[in-house]
Amino acid sequence: SNAICVFGYNMASTGWSEETAKKKGLKVKSNFFRDAERPEFMPTYEDVLVKIVYEEGTGRLLGAQIASKH
């Protein structure tokens, strides 16, 4: 796992990336989604970006990445 703050964005990663898992010979899929870090009816909110990497067929979680301004 690792985390870094660059240009005002906080980013973290754990496990394998999609590219690494494919290089290891696994059949992988990923889901990407964007959501608000707090309810959108609040005066201010920021997006949170999340990518989940998992093994096709078994659903075994292989890794995840997340990025946000908070």
PDB file of N, CA and C in Angstrom:
ATOM      1  N   SER A   1       0.838  -1.188   0.000  1.00  0.00           N
ATOM      2  CA  SER A   1       0.000   0.000   0.000  1.00  0.00           C
ATOM      3  C   SER A   1       0.877   1.243   0.000  1.00  0.00           C
ATOM      4  N   ASN A   2       0.348   2.304  -0.587  1.00  0.00           N
ATOM      5  CA  ASN A   2       1.068   3.571  -0.591  1.00  0.00           C
ATOM      6  C   ASN A   2       0.073   4.713  -0.723  1.00  0.00           C
ATOM      7  N   ALA A   3       0.533   5.893  -0.343  1.00  0.00           N
ATOM      8  CA  ALA A   3      -0.304   7.088  -0.455  1.00  0.00           C
ATOM      9  C   ALA A   3       0.597   8.287  -0.699  1.00  0.00           C
ATOM     10  N   ILE A   4       0.044   9.295  -1.389  1.00  0.00           N
ATOM     11  CA  ILE A   4       0.811  10.490  -1.714  1.00  0.00           C
ATOM     12  C   ILE A   4      -0.149  11.659  -1.917  1.00  0.00           C
ATOM     13  N   CYS A   5       0.342  12.846  -1.691  1.00  0.00           N
ATOM     14  CA  CYS A   5      -0.420  14.062  -1.974  1.00  0.00           C
ATOM     15  C   CYS A   5       0.346  14.845  -3.034  1.00  0.00           C
ATOM     16  N   VAL A   6      -0.286  15.064  -4.195  1.00  0.00           N
ATOM     17  CA  VAL A   6       0.347  15.766  -5.308  1.00  0.00           C
ATOM     18  C   VAL A   6      -0.640  16.782  -5.876  1.00  0.00           C
ATOM     19  N   PHE A   7      -0.192  18.026  -6.018  1.00  0.00           N
ATOM     20  CA  PHE A   7      -1.014  19.093  -6.591  1.00  0.00           C
ATOM     21  C   PHE A   7      -2.377  19.208  -5.918  1.00  0.00           C
ATOM     22  N   GLY A   8      -2.421  19.009  -4.606  1.00  0.00           N
ATOM     23  CA  GLY A   8      -3.660  19.153  -3.858  1.00  0.00           C
ATOM     24  C   GLY A   8      -4.563  17.937  -3.872  1.00  0.00           C
ATOM     25  N   TYR A   9      -4.150  16.858  -4.522  1.00  0.00           N
ATOM     26  CA  TYR A   9      -4.933  15.625  -4.540  1.00  0.00           C
ATOM     27  C   TYR A   9      -4.279  14.586  -3.640  1.00  0.00           C
ATOM     28  N   ASN A  10      -5.086  13.910  -2.845  1.00  0.00           N
ATOM     29  CA  ASN A  10      -4.628  12.791  -2.033  1.00  0.00           C
ATOM     30  C   ASN A  10      -4.940  11.516  -2.796  1.00  0.00           C
ATOM     31  N   MET A  11      -3.935  10.672  -2.962  1.00  0.00           N
ATOM     32  CA  MET A  11      -4.111   9.430  -3.707  1.00  0.00           C
ATOM     33  C   MET A  11      -3.553   8.273  -2.895  1.00  0.00           C
ATOM     34  N   ALA A  12      -4.236   7.138  -2.946  1.00  0.00           N
ATOM     35  CA  ALA A  12      -3.785   5.949  -2.239  1.00  0.00           C
ATOM     36  C   ALA A  12      -4.039   4.730  -3.112  1.00  0.00           C
ATOM     37  N   SER A  13      -3.208   3.722  -2.911  1.00  0.00           N
ATOM     38  CA  SER A  13      -3.319   2.484  -3.681  1.00  0.00           C
ATOM     39  C   SER A  13      -2.956   1.321  -2.777  1.00  0.00           C
ATOM     40  N   THR A  14      -3.636   0.204  -2.966  1.00  0.00           N
ATOM     41  CA  THR A  14      -3.299  -1.004  -2.237  1.00  0.00           C
ATOM     42  C   THR A  14      -3.464  -2.203  -3.156  1.00  0.00           C
ATOM     43  N   GLY A  15      -2.699  -3.233  -2.920  1.00  0.00           N
ATOM     44  CA  GLY A  15      -2.769  -4.429  -3.756  1.00  0.00           C
ATOM     45  C   GLY A  15      -2.178  -4.185  -5.131  1.00  0.00           C
ATOM     46  N   TRP A  16      -2.668  -4.949  -6.103  1.00  0.00           N
ATOM     47  CA  TRP A  16      -2.153  -4.863  -7.472  1.00  0.00           C
ATOM     48  C   TRP A  16      -2.995  -3.915  -8.310  1.00  0.00           C
ATOM     49  N   SER A  17      -2.333  -3.224  -9.224  1.00  0.00           N
ATOM     50  CA  SER A  17      -3.049  -2.442 -10.229  1.00  0.00           C
ATOM     51  C   SER A  17      -3.580  -3.410 -11.280  1.00  0.00           C
ATOM     52  N   GLU A  18      -4.453  -2.933 -12.134  1.00  0.00           N
ATOM     53  CA  GLU A  18      -4.988  -3.768 -13.215  1.00  0.00           C
ATOM     54  C   GLU A  18      -3.859  -4.240 -14.127  1.00  0.00           C
ATOM     55  N   GLU A  19      -2.935  -3.353 -14.441  1.00  0.00           N
ATOM     56  CA  GLU A  19      -1.806  -3.684 -15.311  1.00  0.00           C
ATOM     57  C   GLU A  19      -0.918  -4.765 -14.690  1.00  0.00           C
ATOM     58  N   THR A  20      -0.610  -4.638 -13.413  1.00  0.00           N
ATOM     59  CA  THR A  20       0.231  -5.630 -12.736  1.00  0.00           C
ATOM     60  C   THR A  20      -0.448  -6.988 -12.697  1.00  0.00           C
ATOM     61  N   ALA A  21      -1.735  -7.022 -12.378  1.00  0.00           N
ATOM     62  CA  ALA A  21      -2.469  -8.287 -12.312  1.00  0.00           C
ATOM     63  C   ALA A  21      -2.484  -8.985 -13.671  1.00  0.00           C
ATOM     64  N   LYS A  22      -2.650  -8.220 -14.750  1.00  0.00           N
ATOM     65  CA  LYS A  22      -2.624  -8.808 -16.094  1.00  0.00           C
ATOM     66  C   LYS A  22      -1.246  -9.362 -16.417  1.00  0.00           C
ATOM     67  N   LYS A  23      -0.191  -8.653 -16.010  1.00  0.00           N
ATOM     68  CA  LYS A  23       1.174  -9.141 -16.237  1.00  0.00           C
ATOM     69  C   LYS A  23       1.440 -10.438 -15.482  1.00  0.00           C
ATOM     70  N   LYS A  24       0.734 -10.656 -14.368  1.00  0.00           N
ATOM     71  CA  LYS A  24       0.871 -11.883 -13.580  1.00  0.00           C
ATOM     72  C   LYS A  24       0.065 -13.026 -14.190  1.00  0.00           C
ATOM     73  N   GLY A  25      -0.653 -12.744 -15.295  1.00  0.00           N
ATOM     74  CA  GLY A  25      -1.406 -13.783 -15.989  1.00  0.00           C
ATOM     75  C   GLY A  25      -2.825 -13.978 -15.502  1.00  0.00           C
ATOM     76  N   LEU A  26      -3.321 -13.087 -14.687  1.00  0.00           N
ATOM     77  CA  LEU A  26      -4.688 -13.216 -14.181  1.00  0.00           C
ATOM     78  C   LEU A  26      -5.681 -12.573 -15.140  1.00  0.00           C
ATOM     79  N   LYS A  27      -6.874 -13.132 -15.192  1.00  0.00           N
ATOM     80  CA  LYS A  27      -7.969 -12.510 -15.937  1.00  0.00           C
ATOM     81  C   LYS A  27      -8.646 -11.549 -14.973  1.00  0.00           C
ATOM     82  N   VAL A  28      -8.534 -10.269 -15.270  1.00  0.00           N
ATOM     83  CA  VAL A  28      -9.037  -9.270 -14.327  1.00  0.00           C
ATOM     84  C   VAL A  28     -10.090  -8.373 -14.948  1.00  0.00           C
ATOM     85  N   LYS A  29     -10.885  -7.814 -14.087  1.00  0.00           N
ATOM     86  CA  LYS A  29     -11.857  -6.793 -14.449  1.00  0.00           C
ATOM     87  C   LYS A  29     -11.690  -5.672 -13.440  1.00  0.00           C
ATOM     88  N   SER A  30     -12.241  -4.512 -13.787  1.00  0.00           N
ATOM     89  CA  SER A  30     -12.190  -3.397 -12.850  1.00  0.00           C
ATOM     90  C   SER A  30     -13.463  -2.578 -12.961  1.00  0.00           C
ATOM     91  N   ASN A  31     -13.774  -1.911 -11.892  1.00  0.00           N
ATOM     92  CA  ASN A  31     -14.892  -0.971 -11.864  1.00  0.00           C
ATOM     93  C   ASN A  31     -14.361   0.371 -11.411  1.00  0.00           C
ATOM     94  N   PHE A  32     -14.792   1.422 -12.077  1.00  0.00           N
ATOM     95  CA  PHE A  32     -14.405   2.785 -11.732  1.00  0.00           C
ATOM     96  C   PHE A  32     -15.668   3.556 -11.408  1.00  0.00           C
ATOM     97  N   PHE A  33     -15.632   4.304 -10.339  1.00  0.00           N
ATOM     98  CA  PHE A  33     -16.779   5.160 -10.064  1.00  0.00           C
ATOM     99  C   PHE A  33     -16.345   6.454  -9.404  1.00  0.00           C
ATOM    100  N   ARG A  34     -17.210   7.427  -9.520  1.00  0.00           N
ATOM    101  CA  ARG A  34     -16.999   8.768  -8.965  1.00  0.00           C
ATOM    102  C   ARG A  34     -18.186   9.056  -8.047  1.00  0.00           C
ATOM    103  N   ASP A  35     -17.891   9.595  -6.886  1.00  0.00           N
ATOM    104  CA  ASP A  35     -18.950   9.954  -5.947  1.00  0.00           C
ATOM    105  C   ASP A  35     -18.515  11.209  -5.193  1.00  0.00           C
ATOM    106  N   ALA A  36     -19.418  11.808  -4.489  1.00  0.00           N
ATOM    107  CA  ALA A  36     -19.109  12.996  -3.695  1.00  0.00           C
ATOM    108  C   ALA A  36     -18.629  12.570  -2.313  1.00  0.00           C
ATOM    109  N   GLU A  37     -17.679  13.332  -1.738  1.00  0.00           N
ATOM    110  CA  GLU A  37     -17.154  12.989  -0.428  1.00  0.00           C
ATOM    111  C   GLU A  37     -18.110  13.360   0.699  1.00  0.00           C
ATOM    112  N   ARG A  38     -19.138  14.095   0.379  1.00  0.00           N
ATOM    113  CA  ARG A  38     -20.237  14.346   1.304  1.00  0.00           C
ATOM    114  C   ARG A  38     -21.479  14.640   0.474  1.00  0.00           C
ATOM    115  N   PRO A  39     -22.663  14.683   1.086  1.00  0.00           N
ATOM    116  CA  PRO A  39     -23.887  14.847   0.300  1.00  0.00           C
ATOM    117  C   PRO A  39     -23.828  16.063  -0.630  1.00  0.00           C
ATOM    118  N   GLU A  40     -24.330  15.887  -1.824  1.00  0.00           N
ATOM    119  CA  GLU A  40     -24.257  16.934  -2.840  1.00  0.00           C
ATOM    120  C   GLU A  40     -25.147  18.136  -2.537  1.00  0.00           C
ATOM    121  N   PHE A  41     -26.047  18.025  -1.560  1.00  0.00           N
ATOM    122  CA  PHE A  41     -26.852  19.188  -1.189  1.00  0.00           C
ATOM    123  C   PHE A  41     -26.077  20.137  -0.272  1.00  0.00           C
ATOM    124  N   MET A  42     -24.894  19.718   0.191  1.00  0.00           N
ATOM    125  CA  MET A  42     -24.049  20.585   1.018  1.00  0.00           C
ATOM    126  C   MET A  42     -23.502  21.710   0.143  1.00  0.00           C
ATOM    127  N   PRO A  43     -23.178  22.860   0.736  1.00  0.00           N
ATOM    128  CA  PRO A  43     -22.687  23.999  -0.052  1.00  0.00           C
ATOM    129  C   PRO A  43     -21.432  23.679  -0.863  1.00  0.00           C
ATOM    130  N   THR A  44     -20.545  22.884  -0.302  1.00  0.00           N
ATOM    131  CA  THR A  44     -19.332  22.497  -1.036  1.00  0.00           C
ATOM    132  C   THR A  44     -19.091  21.006  -0.861  1.00  0.00           C
ATOM    133  N   TYR A  45     -18.596  20.390  -1.892  1.00  0.00           N
ATOM    134  CA  TYR A  45     -18.206  18.980  -1.837  1.00  0.00           C
ATOM    135  C   TYR A  45     -17.209  18.730  -2.958  1.00  0.00           C
ATOM    136  N   GLU A  46     -16.430  17.700  -2.824  1.00  0.00           N
ATOM    137  CA  GLU A  46     -15.436  17.319  -3.824  1.00  0.00           C
ATOM    138  C   GLU A  46     -15.705  15.895  -4.287  1.00  0.00           C
ATOM    139  N   ASP A  47     -15.281  15.591  -5.496  1.00  0.00           N
ATOM    140  CA  ASP A  47     -15.410  14.235  -6.017  1.00  0.00           C
ATOM    141  C   ASP A  47     -14.368  13.311  -5.398  1.00  0.00           C
ATOM    142  N   VAL A  48     -14.749  12.061  -5.257  1.00  0.00           N
ATOM    143  CA  VAL A  48     -13.838  10.992  -4.866  1.00  0.00           C
ATOM    144  C   VAL A  48     -13.836   9.997  -6.022  1.00  0.00           C
ATOM    145  N   LEU A  49     -12.662   9.647  -6.519  1.00  0.00           N
ATOM    146  CA  LEU A  49     -12.524   8.704  -7.626  1.00  0.00           C
ATOM    147  C   LEU A  49     -12.005   7.382  -7.080  1.00  0.00           C
ATOM    148  N   VAL A  50     -12.662   6.282  -7.427  1.00  0.00           N
ATOM    149  CA  VAL A  50     -12.300   4.967  -6.898  1.00  0.00           C
ATOM    150  C   VAL A  50     -12.228   3.958  -8.035  1.00  0.00           C
ATOM    151  N   LYS A  51     -11.197   3.126  -8.024  1.00  0.00           N
ATOM    152  CA  LYS A  51     -11.081   2.020  -8.977  1.00  0.00           C
ATOM    153  C   LYS A  51     -10.820   0.746  -8.180  1.00  0.00           C
ATOM    154  N   ILE A  52     -11.637  -0.263  -8.426  1.00  0.00           N
ATOM    155  CA  ILE A  52     -11.511  -1.565  -7.777  1.00  0.00           C
ATOM    156  C   ILE A  52     -11.085  -2.579  -8.834  1.00  0.00           C
ATOM    157  N   VAL A  53     -10.058  -3.359  -8.552  1.00  0.00           N
ATOM    158  CA  VAL A  53      -9.548  -4.376  -9.476  1.00  0.00           C
ATOM    159  C   VAL A  53      -9.832  -5.746  -8.864  1.00  0.00           C
ATOM    160  N   TYR A  54     -10.464  -6.640  -9.644  1.00  0.00           N
ATOM    161  CA  TYR A  54     -10.814  -7.956  -9.119  1.00  0.00           C
ATOM    162  C   TYR A  54     -10.612  -9.032 -10.179  1.00  0.00           C
ATOM    163  N   GLU A  55     -10.522 -10.273  -9.711  1.00  0.00           N
ATOM    164  CA  GLU A  55     -10.313 -11.413 -10.601  1.00  0.00           C
ATOM    165  C   GLU A  55     -11.639 -11.827 -11.231  1.00  0.00           C
ATOM    166  N   GLU A  56     -11.620 -11.954 -12.547  1.00  0.00           N
ATOM    167  CA  GLU A  56     -12.821 -12.370 -13.273  1.00  0.00           C
ATOM    168  C   GLU A  56     -13.167 -13.803 -12.881  1.00  0.00           C
ATOM    169  N   GLY A  57     -14.438 -14.069 -12.688  1.00  0.00           N
ATOM    170  CA  GLY A  57     -14.881 -15.417 -12.356  1.00  0.00           C
ATOM    171  C   GLY A  57     -15.021 -15.643 -10.859  1.00  0.00           C
ATOM    172  N   THR A  58     -14.001 -15.290 -10.089  1.00  0.00           N
ATOM    173  CA  THR A  58     -14.054 -15.511  -8.642  1.00  0.00           C
ATOM    174  C   THR A  58     -14.493 -14.269  -7.874  1.00  0.00           C
ATOM    175  N   GLY A  59     -14.263 -13.093  -8.458  1.00  0.00           N
ATOM    176  CA  GLY A  59     -14.573 -11.854  -7.758  1.00  0.00           C
ATOM    177  C   GLY A  59     -13.559 -11.495  -6.684  1.00  0.00           C
ATOM    178  N   ARG A  60     -12.455 -12.237  -6.629  1.00  0.00           N
ATOM    179  CA  ARG A  60     -11.425 -11.985  -5.614  1.00  0.00           C
ATOM    180  C   ARG A  60     -10.841 -10.587  -5.792  1.00  0.00           C
ATOM    181  N   LEU A  61     -10.847  -9.814  -4.736  1.00  0.00           N
ATOM    182  CA  LEU A  61     -10.320  -8.455  -4.767  1.00  0.00           C
ATOM    183  C   LEU A  61      -8.801  -8.502  -4.878  1.00  0.00           C
ATOM    184  N   LEU A  62      -8.257  -7.782  -5.879  1.00  0.00           N
ATOM    185  CA  LEU A  62      -6.815  -7.768  -6.114  1.00  0.00           C
ATOM    186  C   LEU A  62      -6.178  -6.438  -5.748  1.00  0.00           C
ATOM    187  N   GLY A  63      -6.920  -5.355  -5.866  1.00  0.00           N
ATOM    188  CA  GLY A  63      -6.356  -4.047  -5.550  1.00  0.00           C
ATOM    189  C   GLY A  63      -7.397  -2.958  -5.668  1.00  0.00           C
ATOM    190  N   ALA A  64      -6.999  -1.765  -5.222  1.00  0.00           N
ATOM    191  CA  ALA A  64      -7.888  -0.611  -5.294  1.00  0.00           C
ATOM    192  C   ALA A  64      -7.058   0.661  -5.290  1.00  0.00           C
ATOM    193  N   GLN A  65      -7.596   1.683  -5.951  1.00  0.00           N
ATOM    194  CA  GLN A  65      -6.976   3.000  -5.971  1.00  0.00           C
ATOM    195  C   GLN A  65      -8.062   4.032  -5.687  1.00  0.00           C
ATOM    196  N   ILE A  66      -7.667   5.112  -5.002  1.00  0.00           N
ATOM    197  CA  ILE A  66      -8.615   6.163  -4.651  1.00  0.00           C
ATOM    198  C   ILE A  66      -7.918   7.519  -4.739  1.00  0.00           C
ATOM    199  N   ALA A  67      -8.666   8.543  -5.154  1.00  0.00           N
ATOM    200  CA  ALA A  67      -8.111   9.898  -5.245  1.00  0.00           C
ATOM    201  C   ALA A  67      -9.189  10.915  -4.880  1.00  0.00           C
ATOM    202  N   SER A  68      -8.774  11.958  -4.161  1.00  0.00           N
ATOM    203  CA  SER A  68      -9.692  13.008  -3.748  1.00  0.00           C
ATOM    204  C   SER A  68      -8.897  14.224  -3.294  1.00  0.00           C
ATOM    205  N   LYS A  69      -9.553  15.364  -3.236  1.00  0.00           N
ATOM    206  CA  LYS A  69      -8.898  16.564  -2.707  1.00  0.00           C
ATOM    207  C   LYS A  69      -8.878  16.567  -1.185  1.00  0.00           C
ATOM    208  N   HIS A  70      -9.665  15.718  -0.531  1.00  0.00           N
ATOM    209  CA  HIS A  70      -9.697  15.660   0.947  1.00  0.00           C
ATOM    210  C   HIS A  70      -9.248  14.321   1.433  1.00  0.00           C
TER     211      HIS A  70
END
